[in-house]
Protein backbone atom coordinates (compact mmCIF):
# COMPACT_ATOMS: atom_id res chain seq x y z
CA UNK A 1 140.87 146.99 -118.78
CA UNK A 2 137.57 148.32 -117.39
CA UNK A 3 137.74 151.97 -116.38
CA UNK A 4 137.86 152.06 -112.27
CA UNK A 5 137.38 156.18 -112.10
CA UNK A 6 137.37 156.91 -108.57
CA UNK A 7 136.96 160.63 -106.59
CA UNK A 8 139.58 161.04 -104.44
CA UNK A 9 140.48 163.98 -101.84
CA UNK A 10 144.27 164.99 -101.56
CA UNK A 11 146.17 164.00 -98.61
CA UNK A 12 147.97 167.09 -98.79
CA UNK A 13 145.86 170.13 -100.00
CA UNK A 14 142.23 168.18 -99.19
CA UNK A 15 141.22 168.77 -102.70
CA UNK A 16 139.29 166.37 -104.64
CA UNK A 17 140.30 164.91 -108.06
CA UNK A 18 139.21 161.93 -110.45
CA UNK A 19 141.93 159.10 -111.04
CA UNK A 20 141.40 156.22 -113.12
CA UNK A 21 142.77 152.99 -111.59
CA UNK A 22 142.70 150.42 -114.54
CA UNK A 23 141.66 147.67 -113.32
CA UNK A 24 141.16 144.24 -114.96
CA UNK A 25 137.45 142.97 -114.69
CA UNK A 26 139.36 139.49 -113.83
CA UNK A 27 141.89 141.16 -111.15
CA UNK A 28 141.39 140.41 -107.36
CA UNK A 29 143.86 141.55 -104.93
CA UNK A 30 145.26 144.27 -103.72
CA UNK A 31 147.05 147.40 -105.81
CA UNK A 32 148.88 150.51 -104.98
CA UNK A 33 149.18 153.17 -107.12
CA UNK A 34 150.86 156.84 -107.08
CA UNK A 35 148.92 159.53 -108.44
CA UNK A 36 150.32 163.03 -108.42
CA UNK A 37 147.22 165.50 -107.04
CA UNK A 38 145.81 167.74 -109.87
CA UNK A 39 145.88 170.86 -107.91
CA UNK A 40 149.04 170.99 -105.51
CA UNK A 41 151.08 168.20 -107.30
CA UNK A 42 151.75 166.29 -104.57
CA UNK A 43 152.12 162.48 -104.52
CA UNK A 44 149.11 160.56 -103.30
CA UNK A 45 149.44 156.61 -102.62
CA UNK A 46 146.47 155.25 -103.53
CA UNK A 47 145.82 151.27 -101.76
CA UNK A 48 143.15 149.40 -102.94
CA UNK A 49 141.61 146.23 -102.48
CA UNK A 50 139.80 144.80 -105.35
CA UNK A 51 137.35 141.48 -105.70
CA UNK A 52 137.03 140.55 -109.45
CA UNK A 53 137.51 144.30 -110.90
CA UNK A 54 135.18 145.91 -108.65
CA UNK A 55 136.98 148.22 -105.91
CA UNK A 56 136.09 147.68 -102.30
CA UNK A 57 138.28 149.32 -100.30
CA UNK A 58 140.54 152.48 -100.96
CA UNK A 59 142.92 154.25 -98.85
CA UNK A 60 144.96 157.63 -99.88
CA UNK A 61 148.37 158.40 -98.07
CA UNK A 62 151.50 160.12 -98.37
CA UNK A 63 153.06 159.06 -101.60
CA UNK A 64 156.41 160.25 -100.42
CA UNK A 65 157.19 157.28 -98.07
């Protein structure tokens, strides 16, 4: 695993915080994770598209779905 730290904006309170996606260097595809906001504690669903360990696209949405 390599560190894939990203700064995201909370879907609820709009504050930014850092998450570590921990994606393997050889992974290519789609990944979905839930991260609680470091400020308001609400769940944020993080969808990522990854190509050879590099995040190419990231979206943040409501993790309560």
